[in-house]
Amino acid sequence: MKYILITILSSILLFASSLGDVDKGHTYFRYIINPIINVKGDMFTIKHTKKEWEDLFSNNAQGFKSKYSTINDDFKKFLSSEKFDNIALDLKAFFIYYAKDSDIKPQCGE
């Protein structure tokens, strides 16, 4: 019985850790992406629905990279960096949390 419980809890923790962190995604957007593209997070997140964000971040965020690499050369360079790959899950969580069809609306220019 203990083995089954430990297995279930481990699976839940592993799944939760693969979802990304909304607060980290917000911080990354504010301090890394905003200075590059000069768009606030609240305006960027409402560009797509939750499903659209999911689709853009599928296959290692290939859809996101191709769609937004045309913003400017600095952002294109950032999107192809390992740094972006390391924070992509947190950014995805942030974008989905505040998506166009989300019930949650950002406060104070988040």
C-alpha atoms as a PDB file:
ATOM      1  CA  MET A   1       0.000   0.000   0.000  1.00  0.00           C
ATOM      2  CA  LYS A   2       2.824   2.407   0.871  1.00  0.00           C
ATOM      3  CA  TYR A   3       4.477   1.661  -2.461  1.00  0.00           C
ATOM      4  CA  ILE A   4       1.315   2.553  -4.372  1.00  0.00           C
ATOM      5  CA  LEU A   5       0.863   5.780  -2.413  1.00  0.00           C
ATOM      6  CA  ILE A   6       4.490   6.809  -2.960  1.00  0.00           C
ATOM      7  CA  THR A   7       4.190   6.046  -6.681  1.00  0.00           C
ATOM      8  CA  ILE A   8       1.024   8.137  -6.999  1.00  0.00           C
ATOM      9  CA  LEU A   9       2.500  11.076  -5.084  1.00  0.00           C
ATOM     10  CA  SER A  10       5.710  10.941  -7.116  1.00  0.00           C
ATOM     11  CA  SER A  11       3.704  10.960 -10.351  1.00  0.00           C
ATOM     12  CA  ILE A  12       1.677  13.955  -9.203  1.00  0.00           C
ATOM     13  CA  LEU A  13       4.798  15.905  -8.236  1.00  0.00           C
ATOM     14  CA  LEU A  14       6.514  15.066 -11.514  1.00  0.00           C
ATOM     15  CA  PHE A  15       3.453  16.145 -13.500  1.00  0.00           C
ATOM     16  CA  ALA A  16       3.080  19.382 -11.516  1.00  0.00           C
ATOM     17  CA  SER A  17       6.738  20.286 -12.000  1.00  0.00           C
ATOM     18  CA  SER A  18       6.389  19.928 -15.784  1.00  0.00           C
ATOM     19  CA  LEU A  19       3.599  22.515 -15.954  1.00  0.00           C
ATOM     20  CA  GLY A  20       5.656  25.620 -15.280  1.00  0.00           C
ATOM     21  CA  ASP A  21       5.183  28.404 -12.784  1.00  0.00           C
ATOM     22  CA  VAL A  22       2.941  31.396 -13.550  1.00  0.00           C
ATOM     23  CA  ASP A  23       4.810  33.740 -11.187  1.00  0.00           C
ATOM     24  CA  LYS A  24       8.191  32.807 -12.635  1.00  0.00           C
ATOM     25  CA  GLY A  25       6.792  33.247 -16.149  1.00  0.00           C
ATOM     26  CA  HIS A  26       5.534  36.698 -15.187  1.00  0.00           C
ATOM     27  CA  THR A  27       8.953  37.639 -13.809  1.00  0.00           C
ATOM     28  CA  TYR A  28      10.758  36.322 -16.904  1.00  0.00           C
ATOM     29  CA  PHE A  29       8.398  38.217 -19.172  1.00  0.00           C
ATOM     30  CA  ARG A  30       8.736  41.448 -17.208  1.00  0.00           C
ATOM     31  CA  TYR A  31      12.523  41.469 -16.912  1.00  0.00           C
ATOM     32  CA  ILE A  32      13.689  39.589 -20.002  1.00  0.00           C
ATOM     33  CA  ILE A  33      11.091  39.773 -22.768  1.00  0.00           C
ATOM     34  CA  ASN A  34       9.461  43.158 -22.111  1.00  0.00           C
ATOM     35  CA  PRO A  35      12.733  45.078 -22.535  1.00  0.00           C
ATOM     36  CA  ILE A  36      13.352  43.299 -25.854  1.00  0.00           C
ATOM     37  CA  ILE A  37       9.901  43.728 -27.430  1.00  0.00           C
ATOM     38  CA  ASN A  38       8.547  46.675 -25.412  1.00  0.00           C
ATOM     39  CA  VAL A  39       5.098  45.145 -24.838  1.00  0.00           C
ATOM     40  CA  LYS A  40       3.574  44.662 -21.391  1.00  0.00           C
ATOM     41  CA  GLY A  41       2.602  41.173 -20.330  1.00  0.00           C
ATOM     42  CA  ASP A  42      -1.089  41.949 -19.984  1.00  0.00           C
ATOM     43  CA  MET A  43      -1.249  43.067 -23.602  1.00  0.00           C
ATOM     44  CA  PHE A  44       0.819  40.134 -24.852  1.00  0.00           C
ATOM     45  CA  THR A  45      -1.058  37.360 -23.044  1.00  0.00           C
ATOM     46  CA  ILE A  46      -4.463  38.358 -24.435  1.00  0.00           C
ATOM     47  CA  LYS A  47      -3.327  37.868 -28.012  1.00  0.00           C
ATOM     48  CA  HIS A  48      -4.371  34.217 -27.873  1.00  0.00           C
ATOM     49  CA  THR A  49      -6.753  31.826 -26.154  1.00  0.00           C
ATOM     50  CA  LYS A  50      -5.547  29.088 -23.817  1.00  0.00           C
ATOM     51  CA  LYS A  51      -5.798  26.518 -26.626  1.00  0.00           C
ATOM     52  CA  GLU A  52      -3.869  28.755 -29.019  1.00  0.00           C
ATOM     53  CA  TRP A  53      -1.083  29.212 -26.438  1.00  0.00           C
ATOM     54  CA  GLU A  54      -0.982  25.436 -25.934  1.00  0.00           C
ATOM     55  CA  ASP A  55      -0.617  24.935 -29.670  1.00  0.00           C
ATOM     56  CA  LEU A  56       2.085  27.601 -29.986  1.00  0.00           C
ATOM     57  CA  PHE A  57       4.135  25.936 -27.254  1.00  0.00           C
ATOM     58  CA  SER A  58       3.784  22.377 -28.560  1.00  0.00           C
ATOM     59  CA  ASN A  59       6.852  20.722 -30.123  1.00  0.00           C
ATOM     60  CA  ASN A  60       9.350  22.699 -28.046  1.00  0.00           C
ATOM     61  CA  ALA A  61       7.550  25.995 -28.723  1.00  0.00           C
ATOM     62  CA  GLN A  62       8.209  25.824 -32.463  1.00  0.00           C
ATOM     63  CA  GLY A  63       4.967  27.644 -33.297  1.00  0.00           C
ATOM     64  CA  PHE A  64       5.764  30.420 -30.830  1.00  0.00           C
ATOM     65  CA  LYS A  65       9.296  30.768 -32.154  1.00  0.00           C
ATOM     66  CA  SER A  66       8.227  30.974 -35.788  1.00  0.00           C
ATOM     67  CA  LYS A  67       5.339  33.380 -35.117  1.00  0.00           C
ATOM     68  CA  TYR A  68       7.207  35.810 -32.875  1.00  0.00           C
ATOM     69  CA  SER A  69      10.740  35.642 -34.277  1.00  0.00           C
ATOM     70  CA  THR A  70       9.772  38.384 -36.724  1.00  0.00           C
ATOM     71  CA  ILE A  71       9.289  41.016 -33.986  1.00  0.00           C
ATOM     72  CA  ASN A  72      12.940  42.069 -34.050  1.00  0.00           C
ATOM     73  CA  ASP A  73      16.428  40.585 -34.375  1.00  0.00           C
ATOM     74  CA  ASP A  74      17.128  40.630 -30.646  1.00  0.00           C
ATOM     75  CA  PHE A  75      13.965  38.662 -29.904  1.00  0.00           C
ATOM     76  CA  LYS A  76      14.727  36.234 -32.723  1.00  0.00           C
ATOM     77  CA  LYS A  77      18.160  35.654 -31.202  1.00  0.00           C
ATOM     78  CA  PHE A  78      16.633  35.175 -27.738  1.00  0.00           C
ATOM     79  CA  LEU A  79      14.070  32.663 -29.026  1.00  0.00           C
ATOM     80  CA  SER A  80      16.833  30.495 -30.485  1.00  0.00           C
ATOM     81  CA  SER A  81      18.858  30.562 -27.256  1.00  0.00           C
ATOM     82  CA  GLU A  82      19.112  27.945 -24.554  1.00  0.00           C
ATOM     83  CA  LYS A  83      17.875  30.567 -22.097  1.00  0.00           C
ATOM     84  CA  PHE A  84      14.464  30.635 -23.809  1.00  0.00           C
ATOM     85  CA  ASP A  85      14.300  26.846 -23.804  1.00  0.00           C
ATOM     86  CA  ASN A  86      14.961  26.869 -20.048  1.00  0.00           C
ATOM     87  CA  ILE A  87      12.125  29.291 -19.249  1.00  0.00           C
ATOM     88  CA  ALA A  88       9.589  28.265 -21.927  1.00  0.00           C
ATOM     89  CA  LEU A  89       7.417  26.185 -19.563  1.00  0.00           C
ATOM     90  CA  ASP A  90       7.093  29.070 -17.119  1.00  0.00           C
ATOM     91  CA  LEU A  91       6.288  31.515 -19.917  1.00  0.00           C
ATOM     92  CA  LYS A  92       3.689  29.097 -21.272  1.00  0.00           C
ATOM     93  CA  ALA A  93       2.073  28.869 -17.833  1.00  0.00           C
ATOM     94  CA  PHE A  94       1.998  32.679 -17.599  1.00  0.00           C
ATOM     95  CA  PHE A  95       0.507  33.107 -21.078  1.00  0.00           C
ATOM     96  CA  ILE A  96      -2.177  30.471 -20.482  1.00  0.00           C
ATOM     97  CA  TYR A  97      -3.062  31.812 -17.031  1.00  0.00           C
ATOM     98  CA  TYR A  98      -3.839  35.286 -18.438  1.00  0.00           C
ATOM     99  CA  ALA A  99      -5.020  34.191 -21.906  1.00  0.00           C
ATOM    100  CA  LYS A 100      -7.798  35.959 -23.788  1.00  0.00           C
ATOM    101  CA  ASP A 101     -10.394  33.433 -22.620  1.00  0.00           C
ATOM    102  CA  SER A 102      -9.163  33.266 -19.024  1.00  0.00           C
ATOM    103  CA  ASP A 103     -11.405  34.364 -16.175  1.00  0.00           C
ATOM    104  CA  ILE A 104      -8.375  35.919 -14.502  1.00  0.00           C
ATOM    105  CA  LYS A 105      -7.455  39.429 -15.550  1.00  0.00           C
ATOM    106  CA  PRO A 106      -4.075  40.967 -14.740  1.00  0.00           C
ATOM    107  CA  GLN A 107      -4.023  43.817 -12.247  1.00  0.00           C
ATOM    108  CA  CYS A 108      -1.825  46.912 -12.302  1.00  0.00           C
ATOM    109  CA  GLY A 109      -0.191  46.305 -15.678  1.00  0.00           C
ATOM    110  CA  GLU A 110       1.055  42.803 -14.957  1.00  0.00           C
END
